[in-house]
């Protein structure tokens, strides 16, 4: 190691290089999967044409689908006194006092 190179600088460059290699490998793998899926979806020459799908799959399942329903809403029953106190608080906040 040369005099002007510090240990942290060398380690940082090594870590950055490893991250770039990992990203490139992940991208290459994703592209290979996409090509494989496209080839699998193509009908063979001379065979009956496949029925067209309404949805095409774009790559592997990386993000889970959202739930159809959200979490249940929470409700709290307030007494008349609590409602009045809340209304007073909202008025004060709206006025800026």
PDB file of N, CA and C in Angstrom:
ATOM      1  N   UNK A   1       0.849  -1.164   0.000  1.00  0.00           N
ATOM      2  CA  UNK A   1       0.000   0.000   0.000  1.00  0.00           C
ATOM      3  C   UNK A   1       0.901   1.236   0.000  1.00  0.00           C
ATOM      4  N   UNK A   2       0.578   2.193  -0.869  1.00  0.00           N
ATOM      5  CA  UNK A   2       1.378   3.409  -0.982  1.00  0.00           C
ATOM      6  C   UNK A   2       1.145   4.313   0.230  1.00  0.00           C
ATOM      7  N   UNK A   3       2.038   5.300   0.392  1.00  0.00           N
ATOM      8  CA  UNK A   3       1.948   6.203   1.538  1.00  0.00           C
ATOM      9  C   UNK A   3       0.664   7.025   1.555  1.00  0.00           C
ATOM     10  N   UNK A   4       0.221   7.477   0.395  1.00  0.00           N
ATOM     11  CA  UNK A   4      -0.933   8.374   0.344  1.00  0.00           C
ATOM     12  C   UNK A   4      -2.269   7.632   0.431  1.00  0.00           C
ATOM     13  N   UNK A   5      -2.247   6.310   0.408  1.00  0.00           N
ATOM     14  CA  UNK A   5      -3.479   5.542   0.513  1.00  0.00           C
ATOM     15  C   UNK A   5      -3.702   5.131   1.965  1.00  0.00           C
ATOM     16  N   UNK A   6      -4.867   5.466   2.489  1.00  0.00           N
ATOM     17  CA  UNK A   6      -5.189   5.076   3.858  1.00  0.00           C
ATOM     18  C   UNK A   6      -5.987   3.788   3.848  1.00  0.00           C
ATOM     19  N   UNK A   7      -6.071   3.170   5.004  1.00  0.00           N
ATOM     20  CA  UNK A   7      -6.817   1.917   5.118  1.00  0.00           C
ATOM     21  C   UNK A   7      -8.302   2.129   4.834  1.00  0.00           C
ATOM     22  N   UNK A   8      -8.873   3.243   5.322  1.00  0.00           N
ATOM     23  CA  UNK A   8     -10.302   3.493   5.101  1.00  0.00           C
ATOM     24  C   UNK A   8     -10.594   3.753   3.622  1.00  0.00           C
ATOM     25  N   UNK A   9      -9.674   4.408   2.942  1.00  0.00           N
ATOM     26  CA  UNK A   9      -9.871   4.672   1.512  1.00  0.00           C
ATOM     27  C   UNK A   9      -9.834   3.371   0.712  1.00  0.00           C
ATOM     28  N   UNK A  10      -8.900   2.506   1.030  1.00  0.00           N
ATOM     29  CA  UNK A  10      -8.797   1.217   0.340  1.00  0.00           C
ATOM     30  C   UNK A  10     -10.014   0.349   0.639  1.00  0.00           C
ATOM     31  N   UNK A  11     -10.437   0.331   1.907  1.00  0.00           N
ATOM     32  CA  UNK A  11     -11.612  -0.458   2.288  1.00  0.00           C
ATOM     33  C   UNK A  11     -12.862   0.078   1.600  1.00  0.00           C
ATOM     34  N   UNK A  12     -13.006   1.394   1.543  1.00  0.00           N
ATOM     35  CA  UNK A  12     -14.158   1.993   0.874  1.00  0.00           C
ATOM     36  C   UNK A  12     -14.213   1.642  -0.598  1.00  0.00           C
ATOM     37  N   UNK A  13     -13.077   1.698  -1.256  1.00  0.00           N
ATOM     38  CA  UNK A  13     -13.038   1.344  -2.680  1.00  0.00           C
ATOM     39  C   UNK A  13     -13.378  -0.123  -2.890  1.00  0.00           C
ATOM     40  N   UNK A  14     -12.908  -0.977  -1.988  1.00  0.00           N
ATOM     41  CA  UNK A  14     -13.205  -2.408  -2.093  1.00  0.00           C
ATOM     42  C   UNK A  14     -14.696  -2.667  -1.897  1.00  0.00           C
ATOM     43  N   UNK A  15     -15.289  -2.041  -0.895  1.00  0.00           N
ATOM     44  CA  UNK A  15     -16.723  -2.221  -0.625  1.00  0.00           C
ATOM     45  C   UNK A  15     -17.541  -1.702  -1.804  1.00  0.00           C
ATOM     46  N   UNK A  16     -17.182  -0.550  -2.333  1.00  0.00           N
ATOM     47  CA  UNK A  16     -17.896   0.012  -3.475  1.00  0.00           C
ATOM     48  C   UNK A  16     -17.806  -0.914  -4.689  1.00  0.00           C
ATOM     49  N   UNK A  17     -16.646  -1.479  -4.913  1.00  0.00           N
ATOM     50  CA  UNK A  17     -16.478  -2.417  -6.026  1.00  0.00           C
ATOM     51  C   UNK A  17     -17.355  -3.650  -5.835  1.00  0.00           C
ATOM     52  N   UNK A  18     -17.398  -4.174  -4.619  1.00  0.00           N
ATOM     53  CA  UNK A  18     -18.237  -5.350  -4.354  1.00  0.00           C
ATOM     54  C   UNK A  18     -19.718  -5.042  -4.545  1.00  0.00           C
ATOM     55  N   UNK A  19     -20.162  -3.863  -4.151  1.00  0.00           N
ATOM     56  CA  UNK A  19     -21.556  -3.474  -4.338  1.00  0.00           C
ATOM     57  C   UNK A  19     -21.891  -3.369  -5.818  1.00  0.00           C
ATOM     58  N   UNK A  20     -20.993  -2.787  -6.597  1.00  0.00           N
ATOM     59  CA  UNK A  20     -21.226  -2.666  -8.044  1.00  0.00           C
ATOM     60  C   UNK A  20     -21.302  -4.047  -8.685  1.00  0.00           C
ATOM     61  N   UNK A  21     -20.423  -4.956  -8.296  1.00  0.00           N
ATOM     62  CA  UNK A  21     -20.450  -6.314  -8.848  1.00  0.00           C
ATOM     63  C   UNK A  21     -21.742  -7.024  -8.468  1.00  0.00           C
ATOM     64  N   UNK A  22     -22.194  -6.863  -7.222  1.00  0.00           N
ATOM     65  CA  UNK A  22     -23.445  -7.497  -6.793  1.00  0.00           C
ATOM     66  C   UNK A  22     -24.636  -6.933  -7.558  1.00  0.00           C
ATOM     67  N   UNK A  23     -24.667  -5.624  -7.781  1.00  0.00           N
ATOM     68  CA  UNK A  23     -25.766  -5.016  -8.546  1.00  0.00           C
ATOM     69  C   UNK A  23     -25.756  -5.504  -9.991  1.00  0.00           C
ATOM     70  N   UNK A  24     -24.582  -5.592 -10.584  1.00  0.00           N
ATOM     71  CA  UNK A  24     -24.489  -6.073 -11.965  1.00  0.00           C
ATOM     72  C   UNK A  24     -24.942  -7.524 -12.067  1.00  0.00           C
ATOM     73  N   UNK A  25     -24.569  -8.346 -11.084  1.00  0.00           N
ATOM     74  CA  UNK A  25     -24.996  -9.748 -11.091  1.00  0.00           C
ATOM     75  C   UNK A  25     -26.503  -9.853 -10.931  1.00  0.00           C
ATOM     76  N   UNK A  26     -27.081  -9.045 -10.054  1.00  0.00           N
ATOM     77  CA  UNK A  26     -28.532  -9.053  -9.875  1.00  0.00           C
ATOM     78  C   UNK A  26     -29.265  -8.612 -11.120  1.00  0.00           C
ATOM     79  N   UNK A  27     -28.754  -7.582 -11.778  1.00  0.00           N
ATOM     80  CA  UNK A  27     -29.367  -7.106 -13.021  1.00  0.00           C
ATOM     81  C   UNK A  27     -29.273  -8.160 -14.116  1.00  0.00           C
ATOM     82  N   UNK A  28     -28.122  -8.797 -14.232  1.00  0.00           N
ATOM     83  CA  UNK A  28     -27.963  -9.845 -15.241  1.00  0.00           C
ATOM     84  C   UNK A  28     -28.920 -11.003 -14.982  1.00  0.00           C
ATOM     85  N   UNK A  29     -29.084 -11.378 -13.720  1.00  0.00           N
ATOM     86  CA  UNK A  29     -30.000 -12.457 -13.375  1.00  0.00           C
ATOM     87  C   UNK A  29     -31.446 -12.089 -13.705  1.00  0.00           C
ATOM     88  N   UNK A  30     -31.832 -10.856 -13.402  1.00  0.00           N
ATOM     89  CA  UNK A  30     -33.197 -10.416 -13.701  1.00  0.00           C
ATOM     90  C   UNK A  30     -33.447 -10.411 -15.204  1.00  0.00           C
ATOM     91  N   UNK A  31     -32.471  -9.956 -15.978  1.00  0.00           N
ATOM     92  CA  UNK A  31     -32.639  -9.954 -17.437  1.00  0.00           C
ATOM     93  C   UNK A  31     -32.702 -11.373 -17.994  1.00  0.00           C
ATOM     94  N   UNK A  32     -31.881 -12.287 -17.440  1.00  0.00           N
ATOM     95  CA  UNK A  32     -31.938 -13.682 -17.893  1.00  0.00           C
ATOM     96  C   UNK A  32     -33.303 -14.302 -17.603  1.00  0.00           C
ATOM     97  N   UNK A  33     -33.850 -14.019 -16.417  1.00  0.00           N
ATOM     98  CA  UNK A  33     -35.186 -14.544 -16.081  1.00  0.00           C
ATOM     99  C   UNK A  33     -36.235 -14.002 -17.043  1.00  0.00           C
ATOM    100  N   UNK A  34     -36.141 -12.739 -17.371  1.00  0.00           N
ATOM    101  CA  UNK A  34     -37.117 -12.121 -18.272  1.00  0.00           C
ATOM    102  C   UNK A  34     -37.076 -12.770 -19.647  1.00  0.00           C
ATOM    103  N   UNK A  35     -35.866 -13.008 -20.153  1.00  0.00           N
ATOM    104  CA  UNK A  35     -35.721 -13.653 -21.459  1.00  0.00           C
ATOM    105  C   UNK A  35     -36.277 -15.071 -21.404  1.00  0.00           C
ATOM    106  N   UNK A  36     -35.978 -15.786 -20.314  1.00  0.00           N
ATOM    107  CA  UNK A  36     -36.476 -17.148 -20.163  1.00  0.00           C
ATOM    108  C   UNK A  36     -38.004 -17.174 -20.129  1.00  0.00           C
ATOM    109  N   UNK A  37     -38.621 -16.217 -19.448  1.00  0.00           N
ATOM    110  CA  UNK A  37     -40.082 -16.162 -19.384  1.00  0.00           C
ATOM    111  C   UNK A  37     -40.683 -15.846 -20.747  1.00  0.00           C
ATOM    112  N   UNK A  38     -40.034 -14.957 -21.494  1.00  0.00           N
ATOM    113  CA  UNK A  38     -40.538 -14.629 -22.835  1.00  0.00           C
ATOM    114  C   UNK A  38     -40.452 -15.828 -23.757  1.00  0.00           C
ATOM    115  N   UNK A  39     -39.345 -16.568 -23.675  1.00  0.00           N
ATOM    116  CA  UNK A  39     -39.206 -17.761 -24.535  1.00  0.00           C
ATOM    117  C   UNK A  39     -40.241 -18.811 -24.178  1.00  0.00           C
ATOM    118  N   UNK A  40     -40.500 -18.953 -22.890  1.00  0.00           N
ATOM    119  CA  UNK A  40     -41.487 -19.935 -22.449  1.00  0.00           C
ATOM    120  C   UNK A  40     -42.896 -19.533 -22.888  1.00  0.00           C
ATOM    121  N   UNK A  41     -43.160 -18.236 -22.995  1.00  0.00           N
ATOM    122  CA  UNK A  41     -44.491 -17.757 -23.356  1.00  0.00           C
ATOM    123  C   UNK A  41     -44.758 -17.851 -24.853  1.00  0.00           C
ATOM    124  N   UNK A  42     -43.698 -17.914 -25.674  1.00  0.00           N
ATOM    125  CA  UNK A  42     -43.887 -17.999 -27.126  1.00  0.00           C
ATOM    126  C   UNK A  42     -44.420 -19.368 -27.530  1.00  0.00           C
ATOM    127  N   UNK A  43     -45.388 -19.396 -28.436  1.00  0.00           N
ATOM    128  CA  UNK A  43     -45.850 -20.698 -28.932  1.00  0.00           C
ATOM    129  C   UNK A  43     -44.807 -21.297 -29.878  1.00  0.00           C
ATOM    130  N   UNK A  44     -44.735 -22.619 -29.905  1.00  0.00           N
ATOM    131  CA  UNK A  44     -43.797 -23.300 -30.798  1.00  0.00           C
ATOM    132  C   UNK A  44     -44.242 -23.148 -32.245  1.00  0.00           C
ATOM    133  N   UNK A  45     -43.283 -23.189 -33.166  1.00  0.00           N
ATOM    134  CA  UNK A  45     -43.604 -23.057 -34.592  1.00  0.00           C
ATOM    135  C   UNK A  45     -44.436 -24.257 -35.036  1.00  0.00           C
ATOM    136  N   UNK A  46     -45.525 -24.003 -35.723  1.00  0.00           N
ATOM    137  CA  UNK A  46     -46.381 -25.067 -36.234  1.00  0.00           C
ATOM    138  C   UNK A  46     -47.397 -25.569 -35.225  1.00  0.00           C
ATOM    139  N   UNK A  47     -47.301 -25.171 -34.021  1.00  0.00           N
ATOM    140  CA  UNK A  47     -48.240 -25.624 -33.005  1.00  0.00           C
ATOM    141  C   UNK A  47     -49.448 -24.684 -32.985  1.00  0.00           C
ATOM    142  N   UNK A  48     -50.469 -25.088 -32.271  1.00  0.00           N
ATOM    143  CA  UNK A  48     -51.651 -24.250 -32.131  1.00  0.00           C
ATOM    144  C   UNK A  48     -51.265 -22.955 -31.425  1.00  0.00           C
ATOM    145  N   UNK A  49     -51.741 -21.812 -31.890  1.00  0.00           N
ATOM    146  CA  UNK A  49     -51.401 -20.571 -31.193  1.00  0.00           C
ATOM    147  C   UNK A  49     -52.037 -20.546 -29.801  1.00  0.00           C
ATOM    148  N   UNK A  50     -51.288 -20.049 -28.871  1.00  0.00           N
ATOM    149  CA  UNK A  50     -51.762 -19.983 -27.492  1.00  0.00           C
ATOM    150  C   UNK A  50     -52.805 -18.881 -27.360  1.00  0.00           C
ATOM    151  N   UNK A  51     -53.693 -19.044 -26.393  1.00  0.00           N
ATOM    152  CA  UNK A  51     -54.706 -18.035 -26.136  1.00  0.00           C
ATOM    153  C   UNK A  51     -54.011 -16.818 -25.529  1.00  0.00           C
ATOM    154  N   UNK A  52     -54.339 -15.636 -26.035  1.00  0.00           N
ATOM    155  CA  UNK A  52     -53.710 -14.414 -25.539  1.00  0.00           C
ATOM    156  C   UNK A  52     -54.154 -14.160 -24.091  1.00  0.00           C
ATOM    157  N   UNK A  53     -53.201 -13.840 -23.268  1.00  0.00           N
ATOM    158  CA  UNK A  53     -53.493 -13.531 -21.870  1.00  0.00           C
ATOM    159  C   UNK A  53     -53.811 -12.050 -21.748  1.00  0.00           C
ATOM    160  N   UNK A  54     -54.636 -11.712 -20.801  1.00  0.00           N
ATOM    161  CA  UNK A  54     -54.961 -10.306 -20.600  1.00  0.00           C
ATOM    162  C   UNK A  54     -53.876  -9.590 -19.806  1.00  0.00           C
ATOM    163  N   UNK A  55     -53.055 -10.344 -19.080  1.00  0.00           N
ATOM    164  CA  UNK A  55     -52.001  -9.725 -18.280  1.00  0.00           C
ATOM    165  C   UNK A  55     -50.681 -10.405 -18.607  1.00  0.00           C
ATOM    166  N   UNK A  56     -49.644  -9.617 -18.837  1.00  0.00           N
ATOM    167  CA  UNK A  56     -48.326 -10.191 -19.072  1.00  0.00           C
ATOM    168  C   UNK A  56     -47.476  -9.998 -17.831  1.00  0.00           C
ATOM    169  N   UNK A  57     -46.699 -10.985 -17.517  1.00  0.00           N
ATOM    170  CA  UNK A  57     -45.855 -10.971 -16.330  1.00  0.00           C
ATOM    171  C   UNK A  57     -44.531 -10.301 -16.683  1.00  0.00           C
ATOM    172  N   UNK A  58     -44.141  -9.288 -15.950  1.00  0.00           N
ATOM    173  CA  UNK A  58     -42.914  -8.548 -16.226  1.00  0.00           C
ATOM    174  C   UNK A  58     -41.871  -8.852 -15.161  1.00  0.00           C
ATOM    175  N   UNK A  59     -41.193  -9.945 -15.272  1.00  0.00           N
ATOM    176  CA  UNK A  59     -40.135 -10.273 -14.324  1.00  0.00           C
ATOM    177  C   UNK A  59     -40.654 -11.079 -13.151  1.00  0.00           C
ATOM    178  N   UNK A  60     -39.761 -11.337 -12.224  1.00  0.00           N
ATOM    179  CA  UNK A  60     -40.097 -12.155 -11.075  1.00  0.00           C
ATOM    180  C   UNK A  60     -40.867 -11.392 -10.025  1.00  0.00           C
ATOM    181  N   UNK A  61     -41.523 -12.113  -9.127  1.00  0.00           N
ATOM    182  CA  UNK A  61     -42.291 -11.455  -8.067  1.00  0.00           C
ATOM    183  C   UNK A  61     -41.357 -10.884  -7.007  1.00  0.00           C
ATOM    184  N   UNK A  62     -41.064  -9.600  -7.085  1.00  0.00           N
ATOM    185  CA  UNK A  62     -40.139  -8.997  -6.131  1.00  0.00           C
ATOM    186  C   UNK A  62     -40.870  -8.251  -5.029  1.00  0.00           C
ATOM    187  N   UNK A  63     -42.010  -7.671  -5.334  1.00  0.00           N
ATOM    188  CA  UNK A  63     -42.772  -6.927  -4.340  1.00  0.00           C
ATOM    189  C   UNK A  63     -44.093  -7.658  -4.128  1.00  0.00           C
ATOM    190  N   UNK A  64     -44.444  -7.968  -2.882  1.00  0.00           N
ATOM    191  CA  UNK A  64     -45.704  -8.679  -2.659  1.00  0.00           C
ATOM    192  C   UNK A  64     -46.896  -7.812  -3.032  1.00  0.00           C
ATOM    193  N   UNK A  65     -47.960  -8.462  -3.474  1.00  0.00           N
ATOM    194  CA  UNK A  65     -49.171  -7.737  -3.833  1.00  0.00           C
ATOM    195  C   UNK A  65     -49.792  -7.102  -2.611  1.00  0.00           C
ATOM    196  N   UNK A  66     -50.509  -5.988  -2.831  1.00  0.00           N
ATOM    197  CA  UNK A  66     -51.190  -5.329  -1.732  1.00  0.00           C
ATOM    198  C   UNK A  66     -52.431  -6.124  -1.354  1.00  0.00           C
ATOM    199  N   UNK A  67     -52.790  -6.021  -0.098  1.00  0.00           N
ATOM    200  CA  UNK A  67     -54.015  -6.686   0.343  1.00  0.00           C
ATOM    201  C   UNK A  67     -55.209  -5.988  -0.267  1.00  0.00           C
ATOM    202  N   UNK A  68     -56.256  -6.740  -0.524  1.00  0.00           N
ATOM    203  CA  UNK A  68     -57.455  -6.167  -1.124  1.00  0.00           C
ATOM    204  C   UNK A  68     -58.157  -5.215  -0.155  1.00  0.00           C
ATOM    205  N   UNK A  69     -58.062  -5.503   1.117  1.00  0.00           N
ATOM    206  CA  UNK A  69     -58.712  -4.648   2.104  1.00  0.00           C
ATOM    207  C   UNK A  69     -57.664  -4.070   3.028  1.00  0.00           C
ATOM    208  N   UNK A  70     -57.906  -2.881   3.508  1.00  0.00           N
ATOM    209  CA  UNK A  70     -56.985  -2.246   4.438  1.00  0.00           C
ATOM    210  C   UNK A  70     -57.284  -2.662   5.860  1.00  0.00           C
ATOM    211  N   UNK A  71     -56.556  -2.114   6.794  1.00  0.00           N
ATOM    212  CA  UNK A  71     -56.824  -2.451   8.197  1.00  0.00           C
ATOM    213  C   UNK A  71     -58.182  -1.900   8.620  1.00  0.00           C
ATOM    214  N   UNK A  72     -58.752  -2.533   9.592  1.00  0.00           N
ATOM    215  CA  UNK A  72     -60.067  -2.083  10.049  1.00  0.00           C
ATOM    216  C   UNK A  72     -59.937  -0.716  10.724  1.00  0.00           C
ATOM    217  N   UNK A  73     -60.946   0.122  10.540  1.00  0.00           N
ATOM    218  CA  UNK A  73     -60.935   1.463  11.124  1.00  0.00           C
ATOM    219  C   UNK A  73     -61.248   1.372  12.610  1.00  0.00           C
ATOM    220  N   UNK A  74     -60.533   2.165  13.377  1.00  0.00           N
ATOM    221  CA  UNK A  74     -60.776   2.184  14.815  1.00  0.00           C
ATOM    222  C   UNK A  74     -61.745   3.307  15.150  1.00  0.00           C
ATOM    223  N   UNK A  75     -62.678   3.026  16.010  1.00  0.00           N
ATOM    224  CA  UNK A  75     -63.625   4.047  16.439  1.00  0.00           C
ATOM    225  C   UNK A  75     -63.665   4.082  17.953  1.00  0.00           C
ATOM    226  N   UNK A  76     -63.889   5.274  18.464  1.00  0.00           N
ATOM    227  CA  UNK A  76     -64.010   5.459  19.914  1.00  0.00           C
ATOM    228  C   UNK A  76     -65.295   6.235  20.164  1.00  0.00           C
ATOM    229  N   UNK A  77     -66.109   5.738  21.054  1.00  0.00           N
ATOM    230  CA  UNK A  77     -67.352   6.434  21.393  1.00  0.00           C
ATOM    231  C   UNK A  77     -67.047   7.490  22.450  1.00  0.00           C
ATOM    232  N   UNK A  78     -67.460   8.732  22.164  1.00  0.00           N
ATOM    233  CA  UNK A  78     -67.233   9.837  23.087  1.00  0.00           C
ATOM    234  C   UNK A  78     -68.530  10.233  23.774  1.00  0.00           C
ATOM    235  N   UNK A  79     -68.392  10.668  25.003  1.00  0.00           N
ATOM    236  CA  UNK A  79     -69.554  11.204  25.714  1.00  0.00           C
ATOM    237  C   UNK A  79     -69.799  12.624  25.227  1.00  0.00           C
ATOM    238  N   UNK A  80     -70.922  13.198  25.590  1.00  0.00           N
ATOM    239  CA  UNK A  80     -71.249  14.572  25.200  1.00  0.00           C
ATOM    240  C   UNK A  80     -70.203  15.548  25.724  1.00  0.00           C
ATOM    241  N   UNK A  81     -69.762  15.360  26.958  1.00  0.00           N
ATOM    242  CA  UNK A  81     -68.760  16.247  27.556  1.00  0.00           C
ATOM    243  C   UNK A  81     -67.445  16.167  26.786  1.00  0.00           C
ATOM    244  N   UNK A  82     -67.062  14.957  26.375  1.00  0.00           N
ATOM    245  CA  UNK A  82     -65.818  14.798  25.612  1.00  0.00           C
ATOM    246  C   UNK A  82     -65.938  15.438  24.230  1.00  0.00           C
ATOM    247  N   UNK A  83     -67.102  15.288  23.600  1.00  0.00           N
ATOM    248  CA  UNK A  83     -67.318  15.924  22.296  1.00  0.00           C
ATOM    249  C   UNK A  83     -67.218  17.438  22.397  1.00  0.00           C
ATOM    250  N   UNK A  84     -67.834  18.010  23.436  1.00  0.00           N
ATOM    251  CA  UNK A  84     -67.784  19.455  23.639  1.00  0.00           C
ATOM    252  C   UNK A  84     -66.352  19.922  23.884  1.00  0.00           C
ATOM    253  N   UNK A  85     -65.620  19.187  24.715  1.00  0.00           N
ATOM    254  CA  UNK A  85     -64.231  19.550  25.003  1.00  0.00           C
ATOM    255  C   UNK A  85     -63.380  19.470  23.732  1.00  0.00           C
ATOM    256  N   UNK A  86     -63.622  18.465  22.909  1.00  0.00           N
ATOM    257  CA  UNK A  86     -62.887  18.330  21.660  1.00  0.00           C
ATOM    258  C   UNK A  86     -63.218  19.478  20.709  1.00  0.00           C
ATOM    259  N   UNK A  87     -64.488  19.860  20.642  1.00  0.00           N
ATOM    260  CA  UNK A  87     -64.893  20.974  19.784  1.00  0.00           C
ATOM    261  C   UNK A  87     -64.222  22.271  20.225  1.00  0.00           C
ATOM    262  N   UNK A  88     -64.128  22.487  21.549  1.00  0.00           N
ATOM    263  CA  UNK A  88     -63.449  23.677  22.074  1.00  0.00           C
ATOM    264  C   UNK A  88     -61.972  23.644  21.689  1.00  0.00           C
ATOM    265  N   UNK A  89     -61.341  22.494  21.807  1.00  0.00           N
ATOM    266  CA  UNK A  89     -59.929  22.356  21.451  1.00  0.00           C
ATOM    267  C   UNK A  89     -59.699  22.643  19.979  1.00  0.00           C
ATOM    268  N   UNK A  90     -60.559  22.116  19.126  1.00  0.00           N
ATOM    269  CA  UNK A  90     -60.424  22.361  17.685  1.00  0.00           C
ATOM    270  C   UNK A  90     -60.584  23.836  17.373  1.00  0.00           C
ATOM    271  N   UNK A  91     -61.549  24.483  18.016  1.00  0.00           N
ATOM    272  CA  UNK A  91     -61.752  25.934  17.800  1.00  0.00           C
ATOM    273  C   UNK A  91     -60.522  26.728  18.222  1.00  0.00           C
ATOM    274  N   UNK A  92     -59.928  26.375  19.371  1.00  0.00           N
ATOM    275  CA  UNK A  92     -58.744  27.086  19.852  1.00  0.00           C
ATOM    276  C   UNK A  92     -57.578  26.904  18.876  1.00  0.00           C
ATOM    277  N   UNK A  93     -57.399  25.689  18.403  1.00  0.00           N
ATOM    278  CA  UNK A  93     -56.309  25.450  17.467  1.00  0.00           C
ATOM    279  C   UNK A  93     -56.534  26.162  16.142  1.00  0.00           C
ATOM    280  N   UNK A  94     -57.774  26.240  15.707  1.00  0.00           N
ATOM    281  CA  UNK A  94     -58.089  26.911  14.442  1.00  0.00           C
ATOM    282  C   UNK A  94     -57.858  28.415  14.560  1.00  0.00           C
ATOM    283  N   UNK A  95     -58.119  28.976  15.717  1.00  0.00           N
ATOM    284  CA  UNK A  95     -57.943  30.416  15.932  1.00  0.00           C
ATOM    285  C   UNK A  95     -56.495  30.769  16.172  1.00  0.00           C
ATOM    286  N   UNK A  96     -55.680  29.820  16.581  1.00  0.00           N
ATOM    287  CA  UNK A  96     -54.265  30.078  16.826  1.00  0.00           C
ATOM    288  C   UNK A  96     -53.968  30.592  18.208  1.00  0.00           C
ATOM    289  N   UNK A  97     -54.874  30.442  19.159  1.00  0.00           N
ATOM    290  CA  UNK A  97     -54.644  30.922  20.540  1.00  0.00           C
ATOM    291  C   UNK A  97     -53.830  29.931  21.320  1.00  0.00           C
TER     292      UNK A  97
END
